[in-house]
């Protein structure tokens, strides 16, 4: 349990607090803003733990597993929160959440398939870009939800932020689909029954 892994665990432990404050806006003033800040802090830990792990040669199998799970948990939680309270209009939010979450299930299943064949699946640029856009988009929608909660959503900034958030959501869905297709194509060898039981590097994304 090195420093990067502890930071990753911190990201996971922040998720319940994000949920609590986001849903506590009815009795805690500015709770959604607190939730947004906590979400952003959790996102920043993703960049910090990776930089430390690579810079100090502390990359471990446990760390790789925890980092991937933490990212998926954080994105899924934030997206579901802004979908369930109507910040993202239906059915756009529901469809987007289904695409993102189903893709994560598929990636996890392929990772398990790779592990059963002793295949190491390394991260690629597609996954990193996709994850970054997802984090930024969810954070923007959470801040939009905060503006709604304090009844400030008439100025040019609020309107512009809402428009940019939906553009980010469109990019998120597009990158999610494209990265999933790229992931499957890059690892299509896993679907063959004769895949050799040896470690090989293959393309993947977060």
Protein backbone atom coordinates (compact mmCIF):
# COMPACT_ATOMS: atom_id res chain seq x y z
CA UNK A 1 0.00 0.00 0.00
CA UNK A 2 2.26 2.78 -1.30
CA UNK A 3 1.48 6.51 -1.54
CA UNK A 4 -0.19 6.43 -4.99
CA UNK A 5 -2.48 3.60 -3.87
CA UNK A 6 -3.41 5.52 -0.71
CA UNK A 7 -4.31 8.54 -2.85
CA UNK A 8 -6.45 6.31 -5.07
CA UNK A 9 -8.24 4.98 -1.99
CA UNK A 10 -8.84 8.57 -0.92
CA UNK A 11 -10.60 9.15 -4.25
CA UNK A 12 -12.90 6.22 -3.55
CA UNK A 13 -13.57 7.38 0.02
CA UNK A 14 -14.55 10.85 -1.21
CA UNK A 15 -17.42 9.43 -3.29
CA UNK A 16 -19.87 8.95 -0.36
CA UNK A 17 -19.23 12.55 0.70
CA UNK A 18 -19.92 13.78 -2.83
CA UNK A 19 -23.23 11.89 -2.78
CA UNK A 20 -24.18 13.14 0.68
CA UNK A 21 -23.56 16.84 0.03
CA UNK A 22 -25.12 16.72 -3.42
CA UNK A 23 -28.33 15.31 -1.96
CA UNK A 24 -28.26 17.50 1.17
CA UNK A 25 -28.94 20.83 -0.52
CA UNK A 26 -32.40 21.04 1.06
CA UNK A 27 -30.95 21.40 4.57
CA UNK A 28 -27.30 22.40 4.04
CA UNK A 29 -26.76 25.77 2.30
CA UNK A 30 -24.37 25.49 -0.62
CA UNK A 31 -24.22 21.69 -0.31
CA UNK A 32 -24.14 21.15 -4.07
CA UNK A 33 -21.19 23.52 -4.35
CA UNK A 34 -19.39 21.52 -1.66
CA UNK A 35 -20.17 18.33 -3.58
CA UNK A 36 -18.79 19.89 -6.76
CA UNK A 37 -15.58 20.92 -5.01
CA UNK A 38 -15.16 17.45 -3.50
CA UNK A 39 -15.72 15.92 -6.93
CA UNK A 40 -13.02 18.14 -8.44
CA UNK A 41 -10.63 17.27 -5.60
CA UNK A 42 -11.29 13.57 -6.25
CA UNK A 43 -10.61 14.10 -9.95
CA UNK A 44 -7.31 15.84 -9.19
CA UNK A 45 -6.17 12.87 -7.11
CA UNK A 46 -6.41 10.79 -10.30
CA UNK A 47 -3.69 12.90 -11.92
CA UNK A 48 -1.62 13.10 -8.73
CA UNK A 49 -1.48 9.36 -7.99
CA UNK A 50 -0.58 8.54 -11.59
CA UNK A 51 2.19 11.12 -11.72
CA UNK A 52 3.69 9.90 -8.44
CA UNK A 53 3.41 6.24 -9.43
CA UNK A 54 5.16 6.78 -12.76
CA UNK A 55 7.68 9.31 -11.50
CA UNK A 56 8.82 7.20 -8.55
CA UNK A 57 8.39 3.81 -10.25
CA UNK A 58 5.63 2.79 -7.85
CA UNK A 59 3.25 1.29 -10.42
CA UNK A 60 1.68 -1.90 -9.02
CA UNK A 61 -0.97 -4.38 -10.13
CA UNK A 62 -3.13 -3.32 -7.17
CA UNK A 63 -2.70 0.34 -8.04
CA UNK A 64 -3.68 -0.21 -11.68
CA UNK A 65 -6.79 -2.11 -10.60
CA UNK A 66 -7.83 0.41 -7.93
CA UNK A 67 -7.22 3.39 -10.21
CA UNK A 68 -9.44 1.98 -12.95
CA UNK A 69 -12.22 1.10 -10.52
CA UNK A 70 -12.02 4.48 -8.76
CA UNK A 71 -12.34 6.38 -12.03
CA UNK A 72 -15.38 4.37 -13.09
CA UNK A 73 -17.03 4.77 -9.68
CA UNK A 74 -16.43 8.53 -9.62
CA UNK A 75 -17.69 9.21 -13.15
CA UNK A 76 -20.73 6.93 -12.79
CA UNK A 77 -21.66 8.48 -9.44
CA UNK A 78 -21.40 12.05 -10.65
CA UNK A 79 -23.28 11.33 -13.87
CA UNK A 80 -26.12 9.52 -12.09
CA UNK A 81 -26.49 12.38 -9.61
CA UNK A 82 -26.97 15.03 -12.30
CA UNK A 83 -29.26 12.74 -14.29
CA UNK A 84 -31.50 11.74 -11.37
CA UNK A 85 -32.19 15.30 -10.24
CA UNK A 86 -33.03 16.45 -13.77
CA UNK A 87 -30.01 18.71 -14.30
CA UNK A 88 -29.50 16.88 -17.59
CA UNK A 89 -32.85 16.86 -19.33
CA UNK A 90 -34.57 13.56 -20.05
CA UNK A 91 -34.17 11.46 -22.10
CA UNK A 92 -30.72 12.85 -22.97
CA UNK A 93 -29.31 12.22 -19.51
CA UNK A 94 -30.70 8.69 -19.20
CA UNK A 95 -29.44 7.65 -22.63
CA UNK A 96 -26.00 9.15 -21.97
CA UNK A 97 -25.73 7.44 -18.58
CA UNK A 98 -26.72 4.07 -20.08
CA UNK A 99 -24.07 4.38 -22.80
CA UNK A 100 -21.32 5.39 -20.36
CA UNK A 101 -22.13 2.76 -17.73
CA UNK A 102 -22.69 -0.08 -20.20
CA UNK A 103 -19.37 0.73 -21.79
CA UNK A 104 -17.67 0.48 -18.41
CA UNK A 105 -19.23 -2.94 -17.85
CA UNK A 106 -17.94 -4.05 -21.24
CA UNK A 107 -14.44 -2.79 -20.51
CA UNK A 108 -14.42 -4.54 -17.14
CA UNK A 109 -15.58 -7.78 -18.77
CA UNK A 110 -12.83 -7.55 -21.38
CA UNK A 111 -10.28 -6.87 -18.66
CA UNK A 112 -11.42 -10.02 -16.86
CA UNK A 113 -11.18 -11.95 -20.12
CA UNK A 114 -7.66 -10.63 -20.62
CA UNK A 115 -6.69 -11.51 -17.07
CA UNK A 116 -7.93 -15.07 -17.56
CA UNK A 117 -5.52 -15.36 -20.49
CA UNK A 118 -2.68 -13.63 -18.67
CA UNK A 119 -2.86 -10.60 -20.97
CA UNK A 120 -1.69 -7.18 -19.79
CA UNK A 121 -3.85 -4.39 -21.23
CA UNK A 122 -2.12 -1.04 -21.13
CA UNK A 123 -3.77 2.37 -21.22
CA UNK A 124 -3.75 4.47 -24.37
CA UNK A 125 -4.50 8.06 -25.33
CA UNK A 126 -8.15 7.36 -26.22
CA UNK A 127 -8.94 6.38 -22.64
CA UNK A 128 -7.12 9.33 -21.13
CA UNK A 129 -8.90 11.85 -23.34
CA UNK A 130 -12.26 10.18 -22.73
CA UNK A 131 -11.77 10.16 -18.97
CA UNK A 132 -10.71 13.83 -18.90
CA UNK A 133 -13.75 14.95 -20.92
CA UNK A 134 -16.03 12.88 -18.69
CA UNK A 135 -14.61 14.42 -15.51
CA UNK A 136 -14.87 17.99 -16.82
CA UNK A 137 -18.40 17.49 -18.15
CA UNK A 138 -19.74 15.97 -14.94
CA UNK A 139 -18.11 18.73 -12.86
CA UNK A 140 -19.74 21.40 -15.05
CA UNK A 141 -23.18 19.82 -14.72
CA UNK A 142 -22.75 19.57 -10.95
CA UNK A 143 -21.98 23.29 -10.84
CA UNK A 144 -25.02 23.94 -13.05
CA UNK A 145 -27.08 21.99 -10.49
CA UNK A 146 -25.69 24.25 -7.77
CA UNK A 147 -26.74 27.36 -9.69
CA UNK A 148 -30.23 25.88 -10.02
CA UNK A 149 -30.32 25.15 -6.27
CA UNK A 150 -29.72 28.82 -5.41
CA UNK A 151 -32.07 30.04 -8.16
CA UNK A 152 -29.31 31.78 -10.09
CA UNK A 153 -29.62 30.65 -13.66
CA UNK A 154 -30.56 33.66 -15.72
CA UNK A 155 -27.26 35.42 -16.40
CA UNK A 156 -25.13 34.96 -19.49
CA UNK A 157 -22.57 32.92 -17.56
CA UNK A 158 -25.15 30.37 -16.40
CA UNK A 159 -26.63 30.03 -19.89
CA UNK A 160 -23.19 29.71 -21.49
CA UNK A 161 -22.11 27.13 -18.90
CA UNK A 162 -25.24 25.09 -19.59
CA UNK A 163 -24.58 25.12 -23.34
CA UNK A 164 -20.92 24.18 -22.88
CA UNK A 165 -21.95 21.38 -20.51
CA UNK A 166 -24.22 19.84 -23.13
CA UNK A 167 -21.47 20.12 -25.73
CA UNK A 168 -19.19 18.33 -23.27
CA UNK A 169 -21.85 15.66 -22.79
CA UNK A 170 -22.06 15.11 -26.55
CA UNK A 171 -18.27 14.77 -26.72
CA UNK A 172 -18.36 12.41 -23.74
CA UNK A 173 -20.84 10.08 -25.42
CA UNK A 174 -18.97 10.24 -28.73
CA UNK A 175 -15.58 9.53 -27.15
CA UNK A 176 -17.09 6.79 -24.99
CA UNK A 177 -18.39 4.98 -28.06
CA UNK A 178 -15.25 5.56 -30.13
CA UNK A 179 -12.91 4.48 -27.34
CA UNK A 180 -14.99 1.36 -26.74
CA UNK A 181 -14.82 0.40 -30.42
CA UNK A 182 -11.09 1.11 -30.48
CA UNK A 183 -10.62 -0.92 -27.32
CA UNK A 184 -12.46 -3.93 -28.75
CA UNK A 185 -10.60 -3.80 -32.06
CA UNK A 186 -7.21 -3.42 -30.38
CA UNK A 187 -7.94 -6.43 -28.18
CA UNK A 188 -9.86 -8.57 -30.63
CA UNK A 189 -7.33 -11.35 -30.16
CA UNK A 190 -8.86 -12.01 -26.75
CA UNK A 191 -12.00 -13.32 -28.39
CA UNK A 192 -10.13 -16.19 -30.04
CA UNK A 193 -10.13 -19.43 -28.11
CA UNK A 194 -6.55 -20.08 -29.20
CA UNK A 195 -5.17 -16.90 -27.58
CA UNK A 196 -1.81 -17.93 -26.10
CA UNK A 197 -1.51 -17.91 -22.34
CA UNK A 198 1.34 -15.43 -22.15
CA UNK A 199 1.72 -11.80 -21.25
CA UNK A 200 1.41 -9.40 -24.17
CA UNK A 201 0.90 -5.69 -24.40
CA UNK A 202 -2.32 -4.64 -26.10
CA UNK A 203 -4.06 -1.34 -26.68
CA UNK A 204 -6.66 -0.23 -24.19
CA UNK A 205 -8.14 2.74 -22.55
CA UNK A 206 -8.98 3.77 -19.04
